[in-house]
Amino acid sequence: MTVSNIVLAQAAEAAGSINPGLAAIGYGLGAIGPGIGVGLIWAAVINGTARQPEAQGQLQGIAWISFVLVEVLALIGLVVYFIASAAQ
C-alpha cells in the first residue's frame, strides 16, 4: 500500500468521527468562498459592461460558466457535510 493510499484511508476514518455540529460549521465556512467568488464574478461583468457595452454578451457567457464552476464547489461542500453528518 502506498503512502497516499494510507493517508486517504486515515482521512476517511477521521471523517466518520466528525461531530455533526462541527461539520455544519465547516460547511458554513466553506460556503463563504463560493459566495465571495460569485460576487466578484458578477461585479467584474458589471464593470466590464460599463466600460465596453458591446462586449456584454461575451462577458455574460464567460460569467455563467465561471458561476457554475464556483457553485459546484459549494455543492461539493454540501455533499461532504451530509456525508460527515450521516456518519454518526
PDB file of N, CA and C in Angstrom:
ATOM      1  N   MET A   1       0.857  -1.181   0.000  1.00  0.00           N
ATOM      2  CA  MET A   1       0.000   0.000   0.000  1.00  0.00           C
ATOM      3  C   MET A   1       0.898   1.238   0.000  1.00  0.00           C
ATOM      4  N   THR A   2       0.596   2.176  -0.889  1.00  0.00           N
ATOM      5  CA  THR A   2       1.418   3.377  -0.981  1.00  0.00           C
ATOM      6  C   THR A   2       1.062   4.350   0.134  1.00  0.00           C
ATOM      7  N   VAL A   3       1.902   5.323   0.301  1.00  0.00           N
ATOM      8  CA  VAL A   3       1.700   6.314   1.352  1.00  0.00           C
ATOM      9  C   VAL A   3       0.423   7.110   1.123  1.00  0.00           C
ATOM     10  N   SER A   4       0.139   7.454  -0.140  1.00  0.00           N
ATOM     11  CA  SER A   4      -1.067   8.245  -0.422  1.00  0.00           C
ATOM     12  C   SER A   4      -2.330   7.450  -0.101  1.00  0.00           C
ATOM     13  N   ASN A   5      -2.318   6.148  -0.358  1.00  0.00           N
ATOM     14  CA  ASN A   5      -3.483   5.329  -0.017  1.00  0.00           C
ATOM     15  C   ASN A   5      -3.671   5.237   1.487  1.00  0.00           C
ATOM     16  N   ILE A   6      -2.594   5.169   2.226  1.00  0.00           N
ATOM     17  CA  ILE A   6      -2.679   5.123   3.693  1.00  0.00           C
ATOM     18  C   ILE A   6      -3.243   6.431   4.220  1.00  0.00           C
ATOM     19  N   VAL A   7      -2.776   7.534   3.672  1.00  0.00           N
ATOM     20  CA  VAL A   7      -3.262   8.845   4.104  1.00  0.00           C
ATOM     21  C   VAL A   7      -4.747   8.991   3.782  1.00  0.00           C
ATOM     22  N   LEU A   8      -5.166   8.546   2.592  1.00  0.00           N
ATOM     23  CA  LEU A   8      -6.582   8.621   2.230  1.00  0.00           C
ATOM     24  C   LEU A   8      -7.439   7.736   3.126  1.00  0.00           C
ATOM     25  N   ALA A   9      -6.938   6.570   3.482  1.00  0.00           N
ATOM     26  CA  ALA A   9      -7.689   5.687   4.377  1.00  0.00           C
ATOM     27  C   ALA A   9      -7.817   6.307   5.764  1.00  0.00           C
ATOM     28  N   GLN A  10      -6.768   6.933   6.253  1.00  0.00           N
ATOM     29  CA  GLN A  10      -6.838   7.604   7.551  1.00  0.00           C
ATOM     30  C   GLN A  10      -7.786   8.791   7.511  1.00  0.00           C
ATOM     31  N   ALA A  11      -7.808   9.526   6.411  1.00  0.00           N
ATOM     32  CA  ALA A  11      -8.721  10.660   6.277  1.00  0.00           C
ATOM     33  C   ALA A  11     -10.163  10.187   6.241  1.00  0.00           C
ATOM     34  N   ALA A  12     -10.425   9.059   5.584  1.00  0.00           N
ATOM     35  CA  ALA A  12     -11.784   8.522   5.528  1.00  0.00           C
ATOM     36  C   ALA A  12     -12.244   8.076   6.908  1.00  0.00           C
ATOM     37  N   GLU A  13     -11.352   7.472   7.685  1.00  0.00           N
ATOM     38  CA  GLU A  13     -11.704   7.070   9.047  1.00  0.00           C
ATOM     39  C   GLU A  13     -11.959   8.291   9.921  1.00  0.00           C
ATOM     40  N   ALA A  14     -11.170   9.327   9.759  1.00  0.00           N
ATOM     41  CA  ALA A  14     -11.342  10.542  10.558  1.00  0.00           C
ATOM     42  C   ALA A  14     -12.628  11.269  10.190  1.00  0.00           C
ATOM     43  N   ALA A  15     -13.045  11.202   8.931  1.00  0.00           N
ATOM     44  CA  ALA A  15     -14.275  11.872   8.506  1.00  0.00           C
ATOM     45  C   ALA A  15     -15.494  11.242   9.159  1.00  0.00           C
ATOM     46  N   GLY A  16     -15.400   9.965   9.476  1.00  0.00           N
ATOM     47  CA  GLY A  16     -16.516   9.297  10.134  1.00  0.00           C
ATOM     48  C   GLY A  16     -16.696   9.714  11.576  1.00  0.00           C
ATOM     49  N   SER A  17     -15.688  10.295  12.177  1.00  0.00           N
ATOM     50  CA  SER A  17     -15.772  10.659  13.584  1.00  0.00           C
ATOM     51  C   SER A  17     -15.991  12.156  13.802  1.00  0.00           C
ATOM     52  N   ILE A  18     -16.369  12.886  12.762  1.00  0.00           N
ATOM     53  CA  ILE A  18     -16.599  14.326  12.893  1.00  0.00           C
ATOM     54  C   ILE A  18     -17.952  14.577  13.533  1.00  0.00           C
ATOM     55  N   ASN A  19     -17.978  15.467  14.486  1.00  0.00           N
ATOM     56  CA  ASN A  19     -19.221  15.878  15.124  1.00  0.00           C
ATOM     57  C   ASN A  19     -20.093  16.588  14.087  1.00  0.00           C
ATOM     58  N   PRO A  20     -21.417  16.286  14.025  1.00  0.00           N
ATOM     59  CA  PRO A  20     -22.271  16.960  13.026  1.00  0.00           C
ATOM     60  C   PRO A  20     -22.294  18.482  13.181  1.00  0.00           C
ATOM     61  N   GLY A  21     -22.187  18.981  14.411  1.00  0.00           N
ATOM     62  CA  GLY A  21     -22.132  20.434  14.597  1.00  0.00           C
ATOM     63  C   GLY A  21     -20.874  21.027  13.996  1.00  0.00           C
ATOM     64  N   LEU A  22     -19.779  20.316  14.157  1.00  0.00           N
ATOM     65  CA  LEU A  22     -18.516  20.766  13.570  1.00  0.00           C
ATOM     66  C   LEU A  22     -18.584  20.710  12.046  1.00  0.00           C
ATOM     67  N   ALA A  23     -19.276  19.697  11.528  1.00  0.00           N
ATOM     68  CA  ALA A  23     -19.440  19.605  10.069  1.00  0.00           C
ATOM     69  C   ALA A  23     -20.265  20.777   9.553  1.00  0.00           C
ATOM     70  N   ALA A  24     -21.281  21.194  10.314  1.00  0.00           N
ATOM     71  CA  ALA A  24     -22.098  22.338   9.895  1.00  0.00           C
ATOM     72  C   ALA A  24     -21.282  23.621   9.895  1.00  0.00           C
ATOM     73  N   ILE A  25     -20.446  23.800  10.897  1.00  0.00           N
ATOM     74  CA  ILE A  25     -19.571  24.982  10.946  1.00  0.00           C
ATOM     75  C   ILE A  25     -18.592  24.950   9.768  1.00  0.00           C
ATOM     76  N   GLY A  26     -18.062  23.773   9.481  1.00  0.00           N
ATOM     77  CA  GLY A  26     -17.136  23.638   8.356  1.00  0.00           C
ATOM     78  C   GLY A  26     -17.792  23.963   7.032  1.00  0.00           C
ATOM     79  N   TYR A  27     -19.049  23.514   6.856  1.00  0.00           N
ATOM     80  CA  TYR A  27     -19.736  23.843   5.610  1.00  0.00           C
ATOM     81  C   TYR A  27     -20.044  25.331   5.539  1.00  0.00           C
ATOM     82  N   GLY A  28     -20.416  25.918   6.665  1.00  0.00           N
ATOM     83  CA  GLY A  28     -20.677  27.361   6.670  1.00  0.00           C
ATOM     84  C   GLY A  28     -19.450  28.156   6.260  1.00  0.00           C
ATOM     85  N   LEU A  29     -18.297  27.750   6.779  1.00  0.00           N
ATOM     86  CA  LEU A  29     -17.058  28.423   6.386  1.00  0.00           C
ATOM     87  C   LEU A  29     -16.704  28.125   4.930  1.00  0.00           C
ATOM     88  N   GLY A  30     -17.016  26.907   4.488  1.00  0.00           N
ATOM     89  CA  GLY A  30     -16.740  26.546   3.097  1.00  0.00           C
ATOM     90  C   GLY A  30     -17.648  27.249   2.111  1.00  0.00           C
ATOM     91  N   ALA A  31     -18.812  27.683   2.548  1.00  0.00           N
ATOM     92  CA  ALA A  31     -19.750  28.376   1.656  1.00  0.00           C
ATOM     93  C   ALA A  31     -19.397  29.848   1.486  1.00  0.00           C
ATOM     94  N   ILE A  32     -18.538  30.359   2.347  1.00  0.00           N
ATOM     95  CA  ILE A  32     -18.131  31.759   2.236  1.00  0.00           C
ATOM     96  C   ILE A  32     -17.339  31.995   0.938  1.00  0.00           C
ATOM     97  N   GLY A  33     -16.460  31.063   0.609  1.00  0.00           N
ATOM     98  CA  GLY A  33     -15.628  31.208  -0.593  1.00  0.00           C
ATOM     99  C   GLY A  33     -16.438  31.307  -1.870  1.00  0.00           C
ATOM    100  N   PRO A  34     -17.346  30.356  -2.124  1.00  0.00           N
ATOM    101  CA  PRO A  34     -18.171  30.496  -3.332  1.00  0.00           C
ATOM    102  C   PRO A  34     -19.044  31.749  -3.325  1.00  0.00           C
ATOM    103  N   GLY A  35     -19.514  32.160  -2.148  1.00  0.00           N
ATOM    104  CA  GLY A  35     -20.322  33.385  -2.080  1.00  0.00           C
ATOM    105  C   GLY A  35     -19.523  34.605  -2.505  1.00  0.00           C
ATOM    106  N   ILE A  36     -18.305  34.689  -2.032  1.00  0.00           N
ATOM    107  CA  ILE A  36     -17.429  35.799  -2.421  1.00  0.00           C
ATOM    108  C   ILE A  36     -17.079  35.695  -3.905  1.00  0.00           C
ATOM    109  N   GLY A  37     -16.826  34.465  -4.372  1.00  0.00           N
ATOM    110  CA  GLY A  37     -16.480  34.266  -5.775  1.00  0.00           C
ATOM    111  C   GLY A  37     -17.583  34.706  -6.718  1.00  0.00           C
ATOM    112  N   VAL A  38     -18.830  34.372  -6.374  1.00  0.00           N
ATOM    113  CA  VAL A  38     -19.961  34.773  -7.216  1.00  0.00           C
ATOM    114  C   VAL A  38     -20.079  36.295  -7.253  1.00  0.00           C
ATOM    115  N   GLY A  39     -19.906  36.927  -6.108  1.00  0.00           N
ATOM    116  CA  GLY A  39     -19.956  38.384  -6.070  1.00  0.00           C
ATOM    117  C   GLY A  39     -18.881  39.020  -6.928  1.00  0.00           C
ATOM    118  N   LEU A  40     -17.680  38.474  -6.879  1.00  0.00           N
ATOM    119  CA  LEU A  40     -16.584  39.015  -7.692  1.00  0.00           C
ATOM    120  C   LEU A  40     -16.821  38.800  -9.185  1.00  0.00           C
ATOM    121  N   ILE A  41     -17.385  37.642  -9.536  1.00  0.00           N
ATOM    122  CA  ILE A  41     -17.650  37.362 -10.953  1.00  0.00           C
ATOM    123  C   ILE A  41     -18.620  38.385 -11.526  1.00  0.00           C
ATOM    124  N   TRP A  42     -19.759  38.577 -10.839  1.00  0.00           N
ATOM    125  CA  TRP A  42     -20.771  39.474 -11.395  1.00  0.00           C
ATOM    126  C   TRP A  42     -20.354  40.938 -11.271  1.00  0.00           C
ATOM    127  N   ALA A  43     -19.539  41.269 -10.272  1.00  0.00           N
ATOM    128  CA  ALA A  43     -19.013  42.636 -10.197  1.00  0.00           C
ATOM    129  C   ALA A  43     -18.108  42.919 -11.393  1.00  0.00           C
ATOM    130  N   ALA A  44     -17.325  41.916 -11.793  1.00  0.00           N
ATOM    131  CA  ALA A  44     -16.457  42.097 -12.954  1.00  0.00           C
ATOM    132  C   ALA A  44     -17.267  42.237 -14.238  1.00  0.00           C
ATOM    133  N   VAL A  45     -18.378  41.501 -14.336  1.00  0.00           N
ATOM    134  CA  VAL A  45     -19.238  41.622 -15.524  1.00  0.00           C
ATOM    135  C   VAL A  45     -19.851  43.014 -15.589  1.00  0.00           C
ATOM    136  N   ILE A  46     -20.341  43.502 -14.478  1.00  0.00           N
ATOM    137  CA  ILE A  46     -20.937  44.843 -14.450  1.00  0.00           C
ATOM    138  C   ILE A  46     -19.893  45.899 -14.807  1.00  0.00           C
ATOM    139  N   ASN A  47     -18.709  45.760 -14.242  1.00  0.00           N
ATOM    140  CA  ASN A  47     -17.630  46.706 -14.523  1.00  0.00           C
ATOM    141  C   ASN A  47     -17.215  46.649 -15.997  1.00  0.00           C
ATOM    142  N   GLY A  48     -17.075  45.443 -16.527  1.00  0.00           N
ATOM    143  CA  GLY A  48     -16.690  45.297 -17.934  1.00  0.00           C
ATOM    144  C   GLY A  48     -17.751  45.815 -18.887  1.00  0.00           C
ATOM    145  N   THR A  49     -19.028  45.575 -18.537  1.00  0.00           N
ATOM    146  CA  THR A  49     -20.116  46.065 -19.381  1.00  0.00           C
ATOM    147  C   THR A  49     -20.184  47.589 -19.345  1.00  0.00           C
ATOM    148  N   ALA A  50     -19.903  48.172 -18.189  1.00  0.00           N
ATOM    149  CA  ALA A  50     -19.900  49.634 -18.094  1.00  0.00           C
ATOM    150  C   ALA A  50     -18.770  50.239 -18.918  1.00  0.00           C
ATOM    151  N   ARG A  51     -17.651  49.543 -18.996  1.00  0.00           N
ATOM    152  CA  ARG A  51     -16.514  50.061 -19.759  1.00  0.00           C
ATOM    153  C   ARG A  51     -16.659  49.820 -21.259  1.00  0.00           C
ATOM    154  N   GLN A  52     -17.233  48.667 -21.614  1.00  0.00           N
ATOM    155  CA  GLN A  52     -17.334  48.315 -23.032  1.00  0.00           C
ATOM    156  C   GLN A  52     -18.667  47.594 -23.263  1.00  0.00           C
ATOM    157  N   PRO A  53     -19.736  48.342 -23.471  1.00  0.00           N
ATOM    158  CA  PRO A  53     -21.078  47.752 -23.571  1.00  0.00           C
ATOM    159  C   PRO A  53     -21.242  46.723 -24.688  1.00  0.00           C
ATOM    160  N   GLU A  54     -20.484  46.859 -25.767  1.00  0.00           N
ATOM    161  CA  GLU A  54     -20.645  45.909 -26.871  1.00  0.00           C
ATOM    162  C   GLU A  54     -20.115  44.517 -26.529  1.00  0.00           C
ATOM    163  N   ALA A  55     -19.363  44.372 -25.471  1.00  0.00           N
ATOM    164  CA  ALA A  55     -18.827  43.067 -25.061  1.00  0.00           C
ATOM    165  C   ALA A  55     -19.711  42.366 -24.028  1.00  0.00           C
ATOM    166  N   GLN A  56     -20.906  42.883 -23.799  1.00  0.00           N
ATOM    167  CA  GLN A  56     -21.770  42.345 -22.754  1.00  0.00           C
ATOM    168  C   GLN A  56     -22.098  40.865 -22.974  1.00  0.00           C
ATOM    169  N   GLY A  57     -22.418  40.482 -24.186  1.00  0.00           N
ATOM    170  CA  GLY A  57     -22.773  39.089 -24.474  1.00  0.00           C
ATOM    171  C   GLY A  57     -21.642  38.126 -24.177  1.00  0.00           C
ATOM    172  N   GLN A  58     -20.449  38.471 -24.590  1.00  0.00           N
ATOM    173  CA  GLN A  58     -19.290  37.614 -24.349  1.00  0.00           C
ATOM    174  C   GLN A  58     -18.964  37.560 -22.864  1.00  0.00           C
ATOM    175  N   LEU A  59     -19.059  38.687 -22.185  1.00  0.00           N
ATOM    176  CA  LEU A  59     -18.777  38.711 -20.752  1.00  0.00           C
ATOM    177  C   LEU A  59     -19.779  37.870 -19.970  1.00  0.00           C
ATOM    178  N   GLN A  60     -21.039  37.936 -20.354  1.00  0.00           N
ATOM    179  CA  GLN A  60     -22.045  37.163 -19.637  1.00  0.00           C
ATOM    180  C   GLN A  60     -21.865  35.665 -19.859  1.00  0.00           C
ATOM    181  N   GLY A  61     -21.465  35.278 -21.048  1.00  0.00           N
ATOM    182  CA  GLY A  61     -21.205  33.861 -21.303  1.00  0.00           C
ATOM    183  C   GLY A  61     -20.087  33.328 -20.434  1.00  0.00           C
ATOM    184  N   ILE A  62     -19.000  34.081 -20.358  1.00  0.00           N
ATOM    185  CA  ILE A  62     -17.877  33.689 -19.506  1.00  0.00           C
ATOM    186  C   ILE A  62     -18.295  33.691 -18.047  1.00  0.00           C
ATOM    187  N   ALA A  63     -19.117  34.656 -17.651  1.00  0.00           N
ATOM    188  CA  ALA A  63     -19.549  34.756 -16.255  1.00  0.00           C
ATOM    189  C   ALA A  63     -20.416  33.569 -15.861  1.00  0.00           C
ATOM    190  N   TRP A  64     -21.311  33.137 -16.744  1.00  0.00           N
ATOM    191  CA  TRP A  64     -22.168  31.997 -16.399  1.00  0.00           C
ATOM    192  C   TRP A  64     -21.349  30.726 -16.244  1.00  0.00           C
ATOM    193  N   ILE A  65     -20.367  30.525 -17.087  1.00  0.00           N
ATOM    194  CA  ILE A  65     -19.505  29.341 -16.959  1.00  0.00           C
ATOM    195  C   ILE A  65     -18.730  29.397 -15.642  1.00  0.00           C
ATOM    196  N   SER A  66     -18.182  30.549 -15.314  1.00  0.00           N
ATOM    197  CA  SER A  66     -17.451  30.709 -14.053  1.00  0.00           C
ATOM    198  C   SER A  66     -18.375  30.532 -12.861  1.00  0.00           C
ATOM    199  N   PHE A  67     -19.590  31.053 -12.967  1.00  0.00           N
ATOM    200  CA  PHE A  67     -20.576  30.925 -11.895  1.00  0.00           C
ATOM    201  C   PHE A  67     -20.875  29.457 -11.608  1.00  0.00           C
ATOM    202  N   VAL A  68     -21.046  28.680 -12.668  1.00  0.00           N
ATOM    203  CA  VAL A  68     -21.336  27.254 -12.491  1.00  0.00           C
ATOM    204  C   VAL A  68     -20.164  26.542 -11.817  1.00  0.00           C
ATOM    205  N   LEU A  69     -18.955  26.848 -12.233  1.00  0.00           N
ATOM    206  CA  LEU A  69     -17.790  26.208 -11.621  1.00  0.00           C
ATOM    207  C   LEU A  69     -17.656  26.557 -10.140  1.00  0.00           C
ATOM    208  N   VAL A  70     -17.944  27.801  -9.787  1.00  0.00           N
ATOM    209  CA  VAL A  70     -17.856  28.217  -8.391  1.00  0.00           C
ATOM    210  C   VAL A  70     -18.956  27.550  -7.565  1.00  0.00           C
ATOM    211  N   GLU A  71     -20.145  27.449  -8.119  1.00  0.00           N
ATOM    212  CA  GLU A  71     -21.250  26.836  -7.385  1.00  0.00           C
ATOM    213  C   GLU A  71     -21.048  25.338  -7.199  1.00  0.00           C
ATOM    214  N   VAL A  72     -20.329  24.702  -8.109  1.00  0.00           N
ATOM    215  CA  VAL A  72     -20.028  23.281  -7.933  1.00  0.00           C
ATOM    216  C   VAL A  72     -19.202  23.078  -6.663  1.00  0.00           C
ATOM    217  N   LEU A  73     -18.319  24.012  -6.370  1.00  0.00           N
ATOM    218  CA  LEU A  73     -17.542  23.910  -5.134  1.00  0.00           C
ATOM    219  C   LEU A  73     -18.445  23.958  -3.908  1.00  0.00           C
ATOM    220  N   ALA A  74     -19.466  24.805  -3.937  1.00  0.00           N
ATOM    221  CA  ALA A  74     -20.405  24.879  -2.825  1.00  0.00           C
ATOM    222  C   ALA A  74     -21.200  23.584  -2.714  1.00  0.00           C
ATOM    223  N   LEU A  75     -21.588  23.003  -3.835  1.00  0.00           N
ATOM    224  CA  LEU A  75     -22.337  21.744  -3.803  1.00  0.00           C
ATOM    225  C   LEU A  75     -21.477  20.591  -3.294  1.00  0.00           C
ATOM    226  N   ILE A  76     -20.206  20.588  -3.656  1.00  0.00           N
ATOM    227  CA  ILE A  76     -19.309  19.562  -3.129  1.00  0.00           C
ATOM    228  C   ILE A  76     -19.196  19.704  -1.618  1.00  0.00           C
ATOM    229  N   GLY A  77     -19.112  20.925  -1.123  1.00  0.00           N
ATOM    230  CA  GLY A  77     -19.086  21.152   0.317  1.00  0.00           C
ATOM    231  C   GLY A  77     -20.344  20.660   0.992  1.00  0.00           C
ATOM    232  N   LEU A  78     -21.494  20.849   0.353  1.00  0.00           N
ATOM    233  CA  LEU A  78     -22.759  20.377   0.913  1.00  0.00           C
ATOM    234  C   LEU A  78     -22.797  18.854   0.970  1.00  0.00           C
ATOM    235  N   VAL A  79     -22.302  18.201  -0.059  1.00  0.00           N
ATOM    236  CA  VAL A  79     -22.261  16.739  -0.068  1.00  0.00           C
ATOM    237  C   VAL A  79     -21.333  16.226   1.029  1.00  0.00           C
ATOM    238  N   VAL A  80     -20.192  16.851   1.186  1.00  0.00           N
ATOM    239  CA  VAL A  80     -19.254  16.438   2.246  1.00  0.00           C
ATOM    240  C   VAL A  80     -19.885  16.640   3.621  1.00  0.00           C
ATOM    241  N   TYR A  81     -20.645  17.713   3.790  1.00  0.00           N
ATOM    242  CA  TYR A  81     -21.352  17.944   5.058  1.00  0.00           C
ATOM    243  C   TYR A  81     -22.329  16.803   5.343  1.00  0.00           C
ATOM    244  N   PHE A  82     -23.125  16.418   4.336  1.00  0.00           N
ATOM    245  CA  PHE A  82     -24.094  15.351   4.554  1.00  0.00           C
ATOM    246  C   PHE A  82     -23.396  14.020   4.826  1.00  0.00           C
ATOM    247  N   ILE A  83     -22.300  13.771   4.169  1.00  0.00           N
ATOM    248  CA  ILE A  83     -21.558  12.531   4.430  1.00  0.00           C
ATOM    249  C   ILE A  83     -21.021  12.534   5.854  1.00  0.00           C
ATOM    250  N   ALA A  84     -20.467  13.671   6.281  1.00  0.00           N
ATOM    251  CA  ALA A  84     -19.886  13.755   7.618  1.00  0.00           C
ATOM    252  C   ALA A  84     -20.962  13.680   8.695  1.00  0.00           C
ATOM    253  N   SER A  85     -22.126  14.286   8.454  1.00  0.00           N
ATOM    254  CA  SER A  85     -23.161  14.269   9.476  1.00  0.00           C
ATOM    255  C   SER A  85     -23.923  12.950   9.482  1.00  0.00           C
ATOM    256  N   ALA A  86     -23.961  12.221   8.368  1.00  0.00           N
ATOM    257  CA  ALA A  86     -24.644  10.936   8.329  1.00  0.00           C
ATOM    258  C   ALA A  86     -23.784   9.812   8.879  1.00  0.00           C
ATOM    259  N   ALA A  87     -22.512  10.046   9.024  1.00  0.00           N
ATOM    260  CA  ALA A  87     -21.610   9.013   9.523  1.00  0.00           C
ATOM    261  C   ALA A  87     -21.793   8.759  11.013  1.00  0.00           C
ATOM    262  N   GLN A  88     -22.523   9.602  11.705  1.00  0.00           N
ATOM    263  CA  GLN A  88     -22.714   9.446  13.149  1.00  0.00           C
ATOM    264  C   GLN A  88     -23.664   8.345  13.458  1.00  0.00           C
TER     265      GLN A  88
END
